[in-house]
Amino acid sequence: MSNPSTTRLPIQQNQAHFRELIDSALKHAKQLGASDAVAEVGESRGLSVSVRNRDTDTVEQNRDRTLGVTVYAGNRRGSASTSDFSLQAIRETVEAAWHIARYTAEDTAAALPDVDLLATDFPDLELYHPWDITTEEALQLAMRAEQAALEESPLITNSDGAGVDTYEGHFVLGNTRGFMGGYPYTRHSLSVSPIAGKDGAMQRDYWYSAARSPVDVSDPESVGRYAARRALSRLSARRLKTGRYPVLFEGPLALGLLGAFVQATSGGALYRRASFLLDALGKPVLSDHIDIVEDPFIKRAMGSSAFDSEGVRTQARNVVAGGVLQGYFLSSYTARKLNLTTTGNAGGSHNLELRSRLTRPEDTFDAMLKKMGTGLLVTELIGQGVNYVTGDYSRGAFGYWVENGEIAYPVEEITIAGNLADMFRSIVAVGADAITRGSKTSGSVLIQEMAVAGQ
């Protein structure tokens, strides 16, 4: 067990100094003969605490800083990094990257983004909200969350713990084509995982809240109570008869479907021809009432940024409109491999939301159960079981059998199976119970029918 401590050294957000370091690295790369170069320097710190059964479990503090550089010798490139910000160490790091670049194989797709694609406008997206919290205060919040869970019912007999995490950092990215940009950022979260027991059987569930600003993190009592109710509802789970049923993915799991879509439409999978959505641009890939929108400019959101990890400006866009695929997720490298243009998604997607044109404000979670009528509500998935080449989908699952729009009983030891291409096109409805996790947002998603293996 770590010893609690209140000492947390602040990060000095000296963006001007970081820019000087970038300039030094880029100039030295050019002096060595590099055709192009890109450098990024960043510093971060974090605090992570956890408690278990009303006692401190772990306390971890971390502090990192790094300068990474990639240099180009035509279509050859090499990379190196250092945590030493002295000018001598930076020069040596650049020279190491240059040495690697000179002896690597040529790759015609390896180059910096075109100048006209680089970001020049840097709006304040309010991504930096530090949490002035001591280790003891963080531990108390975790204790309150766990205590609320334990007090919810006598059937909450144990705990896998509760935790609080707070993280902040800042960075600057620059290249020899004139781009220079960076910003500070924060992430905070609170989680709890209670265990319910009855008649010798035990069930665990969890819940968490995460945000850029501590004021947007849910209070520990509400997180604890909700996690406890989720664990309690899993007691007395039974098997389900094998068959084909409508399946409702709870909001957090619907985000996994959205993630699978991103994977299948990402440049890396496409140019390697490892996606079931090859050559799908401009074609129907989801139900005709489904839209997927990307908005990098939502203030305080986890996926917000004015530029991607290459400095390419981001853009708000419709990735899917009326079920039709409008765009991929491409970096400069993967775009060149596909003879396309980068979409500003080097490093991932930015604030994606799955929407249905049929959704109404009254389409709450309870309304979605009624819309399904009789079928399977899935609240947990187990294992990987996704083949992105074929789209085949098979996952272990936990959930609830629903009859006449009401939850009848919990079910376990089942497997749900289908094909993602078919599942995407058979989305019947999306709930108004939208939830955001990381950079993705969706309500619960109702699939017309899937194979369910039970007993």
Protein backbone atom coordinates (compact mmCIF):
# COMPACT_ATOMS: atom_id res chain seq x y z
CA MET A 1 0.00 0.00 0.00
CA SER A 2 1.31 3.45 -0.88
CA ASN A 3 1.51 6.17 1.71
CA PRO A 4 -0.90 9.08 1.23
CA SER A 5 0.77 12.40 0.49
CA THR A 6 -0.50 15.88 -0.13
CA THR A 7 2.59 17.03 -2.08
CA ARG A 8 1.85 17.51 -5.77
CA LEU A 9 4.29 19.67 -7.67
CA PRO A 10 2.47 21.91 -10.18
CA ILE A 11 3.13 21.80 -13.90
CA GLN A 12 4.66 25.01 -15.16
CA GLN A 13 2.77 25.65 -18.37
CA ASN A 14 5.57 27.43 -20.17
CA GLN A 15 4.30 27.20 -23.71
CA ALA A 16 6.89 29.75 -24.86
CA HIS A 17 9.70 27.52 -23.57
CA PHE A 18 8.18 24.48 -25.26
CA ARG A 19 8.05 26.39 -28.54
CA GLU A 20 11.73 27.25 -28.16
CA LEU A 21 12.52 23.56 -27.69
CA ILE A 22 10.53 22.69 -30.81
CA ASP A 23 12.32 25.39 -32.81
CA SER A 24 15.69 24.11 -31.64
CA ALA A 25 14.87 20.52 -32.65
CA LEU A 26 13.51 21.49 -36.08
CA LYS A 27 16.43 23.79 -36.89
CA HIS A 28 18.96 21.14 -35.98
CA ALA A 29 17.14 18.60 -38.15
CA LYS A 30 17.36 20.96 -41.11
CA GLN A 31 21.05 21.60 -40.44
CA LEU A 32 21.68 17.86 -40.59
CA GLY A 33 20.04 17.71 -44.02
CA ALA A 34 16.54 16.54 -43.19
CA SER A 35 13.94 17.37 -45.84
CA ASP A 36 11.28 17.77 -43.14
CA ALA A 37 10.81 17.24 -39.43
CA VAL A 38 8.13 17.27 -36.75
CA ALA A 39 8.58 17.53 -32.99
CA GLU A 40 6.27 17.37 -30.00
CA VAL A 41 7.07 18.23 -26.40
CA GLY A 42 4.72 17.59 -23.49
CA GLU A 43 4.52 17.34 -19.75
CA SER A 44 1.84 15.77 -17.56
CA ARG A 45 1.09 14.72 -14.01
CA GLY A 46 -1.56 12.54 -12.44
CA LEU A 47 -2.97 11.35 -9.15
CA SER A 48 -4.76 8.02 -8.81
CA VAL A 49 -6.19 6.72 -5.54
CA SER A 50 -8.32 3.72 -4.69
CA VAL A 51 -10.02 2.34 -1.61
CA ARG A 52 -11.41 -1.09 -0.88
CA ASN A 53 -13.70 -2.09 1.97
CA ARG A 54 -13.38 1.31 3.64
CA ASP A 55 -9.59 1.28 3.65
CA THR A 56 -6.94 2.89 1.45
CA ASP A 57 -5.80 0.49 -1.25
CA THR A 58 -3.44 2.43 -3.51
CA VAL A 59 -2.10 5.95 -3.95
CA GLU A 60 -0.15 6.66 -7.10
CA GLN A 61 1.31 9.90 -8.36
CA ASN A 62 2.99 10.17 -11.73
CA ARG A 63 4.78 12.88 -13.61
CA ASP A 64 6.01 12.52 -17.17
CA ARG A 65 7.64 14.68 -19.76
CA THR A 66 8.95 13.85 -23.19
CA LEU A 67 10.17 15.37 -26.41
CA GLY A 68 9.70 13.27 -29.52
CA VAL A 69 11.03 14.06 -32.97
CA THR A 70 10.56 12.50 -36.40
CA VAL A 71 12.86 13.52 -39.24
CA TYR A 72 12.48 12.82 -42.94
CA ALA A 73 15.12 12.09 -45.52
CA GLY A 74 12.85 12.27 -48.54
CA ASN A 75 10.49 9.36 -48.11
CA ARG A 76 12.54 7.81 -45.35
CA ARG A 77 11.81 8.67 -41.74
CA GLY A 78 13.16 8.01 -38.29
CA SER A 79 11.96 8.83 -34.79
CA ALA A 80 13.54 9.23 -31.36
CA SER A 81 12.54 10.71 -27.99
CA THR A 82 14.01 12.00 -24.75
CA SER A 83 12.88 13.17 -21.33
CA ASP A 84 15.94 15.42 -21.02
CA PHE A 85 15.08 18.93 -22.22
CA SER A 86 18.66 20.22 -22.29
CA LEU A 87 19.78 21.56 -25.68
CA GLN A 88 22.52 18.94 -25.90
CA ALA A 89 20.06 16.09 -25.26
CA ILE A 90 17.66 17.49 -27.87
CA ARG A 91 20.45 17.70 -30.45
CA GLU A 92 21.45 14.11 -29.72
CA THR A 93 17.82 12.97 -30.04
CA VAL A 94 17.46 14.67 -33.41
CA GLU A 95 20.71 13.09 -34.58
CA ALA A 96 19.50 9.66 -33.47
CA ALA A 97 16.28 10.11 -35.45
CA TRP A 98 18.26 11.32 -38.48
CA HIS A 99 20.55 8.29 -38.32
CA ILE A 100 17.50 6.00 -38.32
CA ALA A 101 15.87 7.87 -41.21
CA ARG A 102 18.92 7.54 -43.44
CA TYR A 103 18.88 3.75 -43.22
CA THR A 104 15.19 2.90 -43.32
CA ALA A 105 13.36 1.77 -46.43
CA GLU A 106 11.60 4.34 -48.57
CA ASP A 107 7.86 4.71 -48.15
CA THR A 108 6.18 6.99 -50.66
CA ALA A 109 3.30 7.63 -48.23
CA ALA A 110 5.66 8.87 -45.51
CA ALA A 111 5.56 12.68 -45.48
CA LEU A 112 4.20 15.59 -43.50
CA PRO A 113 0.69 16.88 -44.26
CA ASP A 114 0.32 19.40 -47.06
CA VAL A 115 0.66 23.00 -45.87
CA ASP A 116 -2.87 23.99 -46.89
CA LEU A 117 -4.32 21.29 -44.59
CA LEU A 118 -2.59 22.50 -41.42
CA ALA A 119 -4.57 24.28 -38.71
CA THR A 120 -4.20 28.03 -38.42
CA ASP A 121 -7.12 28.82 -36.10
CA PHE A 122 -6.95 27.74 -32.47
CA PRO A 123 -10.22 28.44 -30.60
CA ASP A 124 -10.35 28.00 -26.83
CA LEU A 125 -12.24 24.75 -26.34
CA GLU A 126 -12.02 24.96 -22.53
CA LEU A 127 -10.13 21.69 -22.14
CA TYR A 128 -8.12 22.71 -19.06
CA HIS A 129 -9.84 22.58 -15.66
CA PRO A 130 -7.33 21.51 -12.99
CA TRP A 131 -8.62 19.88 -9.83
CA ASP A 132 -7.11 21.44 -6.71
CA ILE A 133 -7.48 18.32 -4.62
CA THR A 134 -5.16 16.71 -2.10
CA THR A 135 -4.53 13.00 -1.85
CA GLU A 136 -6.57 12.85 1.36
CA GLU A 137 -9.49 14.66 -0.26
CA ALA A 138 -9.40 12.27 -3.23
CA LEU A 139 -9.39 9.31 -0.86
CA GLN A 140 -12.39 10.74 0.98
CA LEU A 141 -14.34 11.05 -2.27
CA ALA A 142 -13.57 7.44 -3.12
CA MET A 143 -14.59 6.40 0.41
CA ARG A 144 -17.90 8.24 0.06
CA ALA A 145 -18.64 6.50 -3.25
CA GLU A 146 -17.90 3.07 -1.83
CA GLN A 147 -19.79 3.80 1.40
CA ALA A 148 -22.88 4.86 -0.55
CA ALA A 149 -22.73 1.60 -2.48
CA LEU A 150 -22.30 -0.51 0.66
CA GLU A 151 -25.21 1.23 2.38
CA GLU A 152 -27.60 0.79 -0.53
CA SER A 153 -28.61 -2.72 0.59
CA PRO A 154 -27.57 -5.45 3.05
CA LEU A 155 -27.06 -7.58 -0.06
CA ILE A 156 -24.08 -5.45 -1.06
CA THR A 157 -21.67 -7.69 0.79
CA ASN A 158 -18.29 -6.69 -0.62
CA SER A 159 -16.49 -4.24 -2.87
CA ASP A 160 -13.94 -4.37 -5.64
CA GLY A 161 -13.11 -0.83 -4.66
CA ALA A 162 -13.66 2.78 -5.62
CA GLY A 163 -11.21 5.20 -7.17
CA VAL A 164 -10.55 8.82 -8.07
CA ASP A 165 -8.20 9.84 -10.88
CA THR A 166 -7.10 13.32 -11.89
CA TYR A 167 -4.76 14.08 -14.75
CA GLU A 168 -3.44 17.26 -16.34
CA GLY A 169 -0.87 18.13 -18.95
CA HIS A 170 0.10 20.42 -21.80
CA PHE A 171 2.00 20.03 -25.06
CA VAL A 172 3.25 21.82 -28.17
CA LEU A 173 3.48 20.26 -31.64
CA GLY A 174 5.44 21.82 -34.48
CA ASN A 175 6.81 20.96 -37.91
CA THR A 176 9.03 22.41 -40.61
CA ARG A 177 6.03 23.32 -42.78
CA GLY A 178 5.06 26.17 -40.48
CA PHE A 179 2.69 24.55 -38.02
CA MET A 180 3.00 25.24 -34.31
CA GLY A 181 0.20 24.62 -31.83
CA GLY A 182 -0.58 23.21 -28.41
CA TYR A 183 -2.79 23.51 -25.37
CA PRO A 184 -3.25 22.38 -21.76
CA TYR A 185 -5.82 19.69 -20.91
CA THR A 186 -7.30 17.82 -17.96
CA ARG A 187 -9.23 14.61 -17.30
CA HIS A 188 -10.89 13.55 -14.04
CA SER A 189 -12.91 10.49 -13.04
CA LEU A 190 -14.57 8.70 -10.14
CA SER A 191 -15.54 5.02 -10.18
CA VAL A 192 -16.91 2.33 -7.87
CA SER A 193 -17.42 -1.43 -8.22
CA PRO A 194 -19.66 -3.09 -5.57
CA ILE A 195 -20.35 -6.79 -5.15
CA ALA A 196 -23.81 -8.15 -4.31
CA GLY A 197 -24.38 -11.55 -2.73
CA LYS A 198 -27.40 -13.76 -2.18
CA ASP A 199 -27.79 -17.48 -1.43
CA GLY A 200 -24.12 -18.11 -2.12
CA ALA A 201 -24.16 -16.38 -5.50
CA MET A 202 -22.27 -13.14 -6.11
CA GLN A 203 -22.56 -10.50 -8.80
CA ARG A 204 -20.39 -7.48 -9.48
CA ASP A 205 -21.12 -4.32 -11.45
CA TYR A 206 -19.66 -0.83 -11.63
CA TRP A 207 -20.27 2.74 -12.65
CA TYR A 208 -18.11 5.77 -13.22
CA SER A 209 -18.21 9.44 -14.13
CA ALA A 210 -15.50 11.25 -16.10
CA ALA A 211 -15.12 14.82 -17.34
CA ARG A 212 -12.67 17.56 -18.25
CA SER A 213 -13.81 19.64 -15.29
CA PRO A 214 -14.22 18.35 -11.71
CA VAL A 215 -17.54 20.19 -11.44
CA ASP A 216 -18.91 17.93 -14.19
CA VAL A 217 -17.96 14.71 -12.38
CA SER A 218 -21.02 13.22 -10.67
CA ASP A 219 -21.14 13.31 -6.88
CA PRO A 220 -19.74 10.16 -5.22
CA GLU A 221 -23.00 9.17 -3.50
CA SER A 222 -24.98 9.05 -6.75
CA VAL A 223 -22.24 7.05 -8.49
CA GLY A 224 -22.05 4.61 -5.57
CA ARG A 225 -25.80 4.11 -5.26
CA TYR A 226 -26.28 3.56 -8.98
CA ALA A 227 -23.41 1.06 -9.12
CA ALA A 228 -24.96 -0.81 -6.19
CA ARG A 229 -28.38 -0.95 -7.87
CA ARG A 230 -26.76 -2.35 -10.99
CA ALA A 231 -25.04 -5.08 -8.97
CA LEU A 232 -28.23 -5.91 -7.04
CA SER A 233 -30.26 -6.25 -10.22
CA ARG A 234 -27.90 -8.99 -11.44
CA LEU A 235 -28.70 -11.39 -8.57
CA SER A 236 -30.57 -14.61 -9.34
CA ALA A 237 -29.43 -14.57 -12.96
CA ARG A 238 -30.36 -17.60 -15.05
CA ARG A 239 -29.68 -19.09 -18.47
CA LEU A 240 -31.71 -18.25 -21.52
CA LYS A 241 -33.08 -20.59 -24.15
CA THR A 242 -31.15 -20.48 -27.42
CA GLY A 243 -32.95 -18.61 -30.17
CA ARG A 244 -33.11 -15.46 -32.27
CA TYR A 245 -34.38 -12.38 -30.46
CA PRO A 246 -34.46 -8.60 -30.66
CA VAL A 247 -31.45 -7.21 -28.78
CA LEU A 248 -31.23 -3.85 -27.02
CA PHE A 249 -27.69 -2.64 -26.31
CA GLU A 250 -27.54 -0.40 -23.25
CA GLY A 251 -26.03 3.04 -24.00
CA PRO A 252 -22.46 2.29 -22.81
CA LEU A 253 -22.41 -0.87 -24.92
CA ALA A 254 -23.86 0.90 -27.94
CA LEU A 255 -20.69 2.98 -27.85
CA GLY A 256 -18.81 -0.25 -28.55
CA LEU A 257 -20.80 -0.65 -31.76
CA LEU A 258 -19.83 2.90 -32.68
CA GLY A 259 -16.21 2.02 -31.93
CA ALA A 260 -16.45 -1.01 -34.19
CA PHE A 261 -17.73 1.23 -36.96
CA VAL A 262 -14.75 3.57 -36.51
CA GLN A 263 -12.35 0.63 -36.63
CA ALA A 264 -13.88 -0.65 -39.85
CA THR A 265 -13.75 2.78 -41.54
CA SER A 266 -10.27 3.76 -40.36
CA GLY A 267 -7.51 4.18 -42.90
CA GLY A 268 -5.21 1.56 -41.38
CA ALA A 269 -7.80 -1.20 -41.76
CA LEU A 270 -8.87 0.01 -45.19
CA TYR A 271 -5.48 0.20 -46.88
CA ARG A 272 -4.56 -3.19 -45.44
CA ARG A 273 -7.88 -4.48 -46.78
CA ALA A 274 -8.74 -5.72 -43.30
CA SER A 275 -12.26 -4.32 -43.07
CA PHE A 276 -15.72 -5.55 -43.97
CA LEU A 277 -16.54 -2.01 -45.10
CA LEU A 278 -14.01 -1.83 -47.95
CA ASP A 279 -15.04 0.51 -50.79
CA ALA A 280 -18.16 1.49 -48.86
CA LEU A 281 -17.84 5.26 -49.38
CA GLY A 282 -21.10 6.66 -50.71
CA LYS A 283 -22.96 3.42 -50.01
CA PRO A 284 -25.60 2.52 -47.38
CA VAL A 285 -23.92 0.96 -44.34
CA LEU A 286 -26.48 1.62 -41.58
CA SER A 287 -30.26 1.89 -41.38
CA ASP A 288 -31.55 4.81 -43.42
CA HIS A 289 -32.61 6.76 -40.31
CA ILE A 290 -29.11 6.73 -38.78
CA ASP A 291 -26.66 9.63 -38.79
CA ILE A 292 -23.16 9.71 -37.30
CA VAL A 293 -21.80 13.21 -36.75
CA GLU A 294 -18.32 14.32 -35.73
CA ASP A 295 -17.81 17.65 -33.95
CA PRO A 296 -14.29 18.46 -32.70
CA PHE A 297 -15.35 21.85 -31.34
CA ILE A 298 -17.61 20.94 -28.41
CA LYS A 299 -16.33 22.87 -25.41
CA ARG A 300 -15.03 20.78 -22.49
CA ALA A 301 -15.57 17.51 -24.38
CA MET A 302 -13.05 14.68 -24.26
CA GLY A 303 -12.65 14.42 -28.03
CA SER A 304 -12.30 18.13 -28.80
CA SER A 305 -9.31 19.62 -30.60
CA ALA A 306 -8.70 22.18 -33.34
CA PHE A 307 -6.10 19.91 -34.91
CA ASP A 308 -5.15 16.24 -35.00
CA SER A 309 -1.87 14.65 -33.94
CA GLU A 310 -0.26 15.79 -37.22
CA GLY A 311 -1.41 19.40 -36.94
CA VAL A 312 -4.12 18.98 -39.59
CA ARG A 313 -7.16 21.10 -38.86
CA THR A 314 -10.20 19.17 -37.71
CA GLN A 315 -13.70 19.68 -39.07
CA ALA A 316 -17.28 19.13 -38.08
CA ARG A 317 -18.83 16.71 -40.54
CA ASN A 318 -21.48 14.09 -41.19
CA VAL A 319 -19.65 10.77 -41.28
CA VAL A 320 -22.91 8.95 -42.01
CA ALA A 321 -26.04 10.68 -43.32
CA GLY A 322 -29.26 8.74 -43.70
CA GLY A 323 -27.33 5.50 -43.37
CA VAL A 324 -24.92 6.38 -46.20
CA LEU A 325 -21.18 6.52 -45.48
CA GLN A 326 -19.89 10.02 -46.24
CA GLY A 327 -16.30 9.77 -45.04
CA TYR A 328 -13.56 7.63 -43.55
CA PHE A 329 -11.19 8.30 -40.65
CA LEU A 330 -7.84 9.06 -42.25
CA SER A 331 -4.41 10.36 -41.33
CA SER A 332 -2.06 11.78 -43.94
CA TYR A 333 -0.26 8.44 -44.22
CA THR A 334 -3.34 6.25 -44.59
CA ALA A 335 -4.97 8.77 -46.93
CA ARG A 336 -1.97 8.60 -49.28
CA LYS A 337 -2.15 4.81 -49.17
CA LEU A 338 -5.74 5.08 -50.39
CA ASN A 339 -5.14 7.97 -52.84
CA LEU A 340 -7.42 10.14 -50.71
CA THR A 341 -7.02 13.23 -48.51
CA THR A 342 -6.58 13.17 -44.74
CA THR A 343 -9.76 13.78 -42.77
CA GLY A 344 -7.90 15.22 -39.75
CA ASN A 345 -8.21 11.99 -37.78
CA ALA A 346 -4.59 11.12 -37.09
CA GLY A 347 -4.84 9.98 -33.50
CA GLY A 348 -8.53 9.03 -33.64
CA SER A 349 -12.05 10.38 -33.95
CA HIS A 350 -13.37 13.59 -32.42
CA ASN A 351 -16.67 13.61 -30.50
CA LEU A 352 -18.71 11.14 -32.53
CA GLU A 353 -22.45 10.83 -31.92
CA LEU A 354 -24.75 8.11 -33.21
CA ARG A 355 -28.22 9.52 -33.87
CA SER A 356 -31.51 8.36 -35.30
CA ARG A 357 -33.87 10.65 -37.18
CA LEU A 358 -36.70 8.70 -35.56
CA THR A 359 -35.65 9.44 -31.97
CA ARG A 360 -37.97 11.65 -29.94
CA PRO A 361 -37.38 13.21 -26.49
CA GLU A 362 -39.81 10.74 -24.95
CA ASP A 363 -37.72 7.76 -26.13
CA THR A 364 -36.26 7.12 -22.69
CA PHE A 365 -34.62 3.86 -21.66
CA ASP A 366 -37.97 2.56 -20.37
CA ALA A 367 -39.58 3.56 -23.65
CA MET A 368 -36.90 1.61 -25.53
CA LEU A 369 -37.74 -1.49 -23.49
CA LYS A 370 -41.37 -1.08 -24.46
CA LYS A 371 -40.36 -0.51 -28.09
CA MET A 372 -38.50 -3.85 -28.04
CA GLY A 373 -41.42 -5.61 -26.35
CA THR A 374 -39.93 -9.04 -25.78
CA GLY A 375 -36.22 -9.69 -26.23
CA LEU A 376 -32.77 -9.36 -24.68
CA LEU A 377 -31.33 -6.29 -22.98
CA VAL A 378 -27.51 -6.51 -22.97
CA THR A 379 -25.61 -4.63 -20.25
CA GLU A 380 -22.22 -6.36 -20.31
CA LEU A 381 -20.09 -7.91 -23.04
CA ILE A 382 -17.29 -10.39 -22.41
CA GLY A 383 -14.28 -11.11 -24.62
CA GLN A 384 -13.37 -9.70 -28.02
CA GLY A 385 -15.01 -11.88 -30.64
CA VAL A 386 -15.09 -9.35 -33.51
CA ASN A 387 -13.60 -10.18 -36.92
CA TYR A 388 -13.19 -6.86 -38.71
CA VAL A 389 -12.29 -8.54 -41.99
CA THR A 390 -15.60 -10.40 -42.27
CA GLY A 391 -17.71 -8.43 -39.79
CA ASP A 392 -18.53 -11.58 -37.81
CA TYR A 393 -19.52 -10.71 -34.25
CA SER A 394 -19.73 -13.12 -31.31
CA ARG A 395 -19.50 -11.99 -27.70
CA GLY A 396 -20.21 -13.45 -24.31
CA ALA A 397 -22.89 -11.37 -22.61
CA PHE A 398 -24.82 -10.59 -19.46
CA GLY A 399 -28.20 -8.90 -19.56
CA TYR A 400 -31.90 -9.14 -18.83
CA TRP A 401 -34.80 -10.91 -20.45
CA VAL A 402 -37.55 -8.44 -21.26
CA GLU A 403 -41.21 -9.42 -21.64
CA ASN A 404 -43.94 -7.04 -22.76
CA GLY A 405 -41.61 -4.08 -22.31
CA GLU A 406 -40.67 -4.92 -18.72
CA ILE A 407 -37.48 -6.48 -17.34
CA ALA A 408 -38.40 -10.02 -16.23
CA TYR A 409 -35.13 -11.45 -14.89
CA PRO A 410 -31.34 -11.26 -15.34
CA VAL A 411 -29.60 -13.71 -17.67
CA GLU A 412 -25.99 -14.91 -17.76
CA GLU A 413 -23.73 -17.39 -19.56
CA ILE A 414 -25.07 -16.48 -22.97
CA THR A 415 -23.46 -15.54 -26.29
CA ILE A 416 -24.86 -13.09 -28.81
CA ALA A 417 -23.81 -13.41 -32.44
CA GLY A 418 -24.35 -11.77 -35.78
CA ASN A 419 -22.52 -9.86 -38.48
CA LEU A 420 -21.73 -6.18 -37.97
CA ALA A 421 -22.76 -5.30 -41.52
CA ASP A 422 -26.19 -6.85 -40.90
CA MET A 423 -26.43 -5.43 -37.37
CA PHE A 424 -25.71 -1.89 -38.56
CA ARG A 425 -28.37 -2.13 -41.24
CA SER A 426 -30.94 -3.59 -38.84
CA ILE A 427 -30.85 -0.86 -36.19
CA VAL A 428 -34.51 -0.28 -35.38
CA ALA A 429 -34.19 2.62 -32.95
CA VAL A 430 -31.77 4.73 -30.91
CA GLY A 431 -32.88 5.95 -27.49
CA ALA A 432 -32.89 9.50 -26.19
CA ASP A 433 -30.95 8.16 -23.17
CA ALA A 434 -27.68 9.39 -24.65
CA ILE A 435 -24.49 8.75 -22.70
CA THR A 436 -20.97 9.97 -23.45
CA ARG A 437 -17.88 7.93 -22.75
CA GLY A 438 -14.62 9.43 -23.94
CA SER A 439 -15.10 10.80 -27.44
CA LYS A 440 -18.28 8.87 -28.31
CA THR A 441 -21.99 9.45 -27.59
CA SER A 442 -25.01 7.24 -28.16
CA GLY A 443 -28.30 6.25 -26.63
CA SER A 444 -29.37 2.63 -26.29
CA VAL A 445 -29.51 0.84 -29.65
CA LEU A 446 -32.18 -1.67 -30.64
CA ILE A 447 -31.16 -4.35 -33.17
CA GLN A 448 -34.00 -6.08 -34.95
CA GLU A 449 -32.71 -9.60 -34.31
CA MET A 450 -29.57 -11.50 -33.28
CA ALA A 451 -28.68 -15.10 -32.52
CA VAL A 452 -28.52 -15.81 -28.79
CA ALA A 453 -26.90 -19.01 -27.54
CA GLY A 454 -27.92 -20.11 -24.07
CA GLN A 455 -29.16 -23.55 -23.14
